[in-house]
C-alpha atoms as a PDB file:
ATOM      1  CA  ALA A   1      92.046 110.374 114.824  1.00  0.00           C
ATOM      2  CA  VAL A   2      95.367 109.275 115.096  1.00  0.00           C
ATOM      3  CA  MET A   3      95.264 108.173 111.306  1.00  0.00           C
ATOM      4  CA  GLU A   4      94.371 111.736 110.227  1.00  0.00           C
ATOM      5  CA  LYS A   5      97.331 113.490 112.041  1.00  0.00           C
ATOM      6  CA  PRO A   6     100.464 113.624 109.552  1.00  0.00           C
ATOM      7  CA  LEU A   7      97.366 114.440 106.421  1.00  0.00           C
ATOM      8  CA  GLU A   8      97.218 118.182 105.164  1.00  0.00           C
ATOM      9  CA  LYS A   9      93.304 119.766 103.830  1.00  0.00           C
ATOM     10  CA  LYS A  10      93.729 119.590  99.995  1.00  0.00           C
ATOM     11  CA  ALA A  11      89.620 121.060  99.640  1.00  0.00           C
ATOM     12  CA  GLY A  12      86.780 120.582 100.733  1.00  0.00           C
ATOM     13  CA  ARG A  13      86.793 117.987 103.876  1.00  0.00           C
ATOM     14  CA  ASN A  14      88.952 116.278 101.462  1.00  0.00           C
ATOM     15  CA  TYR A  15      92.457 115.155 103.619  1.00  0.00           C
ATOM     16  CA  GLY A  16      95.774 113.572 101.965  1.00  0.00           C
ATOM     17  CA  PRO A  17      99.632 113.461 102.573  1.00  0.00           C
ATOM     18  CA  PRO A  18     101.513 116.539 102.325  1.00  0.00           C
ATOM     19  CA  GLY A  19     103.034 117.424  99.049  1.00  0.00           C
ATOM     20  CA  SER A  20     104.091 115.060  96.482  1.00  0.00           C
ATOM     21  CA  LYS A  21     103.935 112.105  98.872  1.00  0.00           C
ATOM     22  CA  ARG A  22     102.212 108.585  99.614  1.00  0.00           C
ATOM     23  CA  LEU A  23      99.839 107.508 101.663  1.00  0.00           C
ATOM     24  CA  ILE A  24      99.897 103.859 103.241  1.00  0.00           C
ATOM     25  CA  TYR A  25      98.214 102.615 106.056  1.00  0.00           C
ATOM     26  CA  PHE A  26      99.790  98.810 107.346  1.00  0.00           C
ATOM     27  CA  ILE A  27      96.710  97.385 109.266  1.00  0.00           C
ATOM     28  CA  ASP A  28      98.869  94.277 111.439  1.00  0.00           C
ATOM     29  CA  ASP A  29      96.728  91.681 113.104  1.00  0.00           C
ATOM     30  CA  MET A  30      93.197  91.900 111.849  1.00  0.00           C
ATOM     31  CA  ASN A  31      92.583  88.545 113.205  1.00  0.00           C
ATOM     32  CA  MET A  32      93.110  89.191 116.749  1.00  0.00           C
ATOM     33  CA  PRO A  33      89.954  91.922 117.757  1.00  0.00           C
ATOM     34  CA  GLU A  34      87.217  90.655 119.664  1.00  0.00           C
ATOM     35  CA  VAL A  35      83.607  90.801 118.907  1.00  0.00           C
ATOM     36  CA  ASP A  36      82.535  94.336 120.905  1.00  0.00           C
ATOM     37  CA  GLU A  37      79.117  94.416 122.748  1.00  0.00           C
ATOM     38  CA  TYR A  38      77.454  96.390 119.574  1.00  0.00           C
ATOM     39  CA  GLY A  39      78.395  93.068 117.643  1.00  0.00           C
ATOM     40  CA  THR A  40      81.091  94.891 115.255  1.00  0.00           C
ATOM     41  CA  VAL A  41      84.887  93.878 115.690  1.00  0.00           C
ATOM     42  CA  GLN A  42      85.806  98.024 114.834  1.00  0.00           C
ATOM     43  CA  PRO A  43      88.945  97.947 112.872  1.00  0.00           C
ATOM     44  CA  HIS A  44      86.732  94.879 109.981  1.00  0.00           C
ATOM     45  CA  THR A  45      83.777  97.758 110.924  1.00  0.00           C
ATOM     46  CA  LEU A  46      86.243 100.444 110.542  1.00  0.00           C
ATOM     47  CA  LEU A  47      87.442  99.337 107.087  1.00  0.00           C
ATOM     48  CA  ARG A  48      84.336  97.582 105.500  1.00  0.00           C
ATOM     49  CA  GLN A  49      82.617 101.434 105.763  1.00  0.00           C
ATOM     50  CA  HIS A  50      85.642 103.386 104.282  1.00  0.00           C
ATOM     51  CA  MET A  51      85.638 101.037 101.503  1.00  0.00           C
ATOM     52  CA  ASP A  52      81.736 101.083 101.352  1.00  0.00           C
ATOM     53  CA  TYR A  53      81.573 104.799 101.604  1.00  0.00           C
ATOM     54  CA  GLY A  54      85.492 105.961 100.518  1.00  0.00           C
ATOM     55  CA  HIS A  55      85.629 108.456 103.682  1.00  0.00           C
ATOM     56  CA  TRP A  56      86.696 107.736 107.823  1.00  0.00           C
ATOM     57  CA  TYR A  57      83.690 108.852 109.755  1.00  0.00           C
END
């Protein structure tokens, strides 16, 4: 995924920013997306999953 490209593998399945850098995701226009054919709003669902499970799928 595009969000994971600047990350490096830390241990096992864990990824993080290289060296002593910090990682910040800037999310813009959260109110803009439309509901898809499955009844979800993709950006909201992705963030909710990350907050619920602590990882990206």
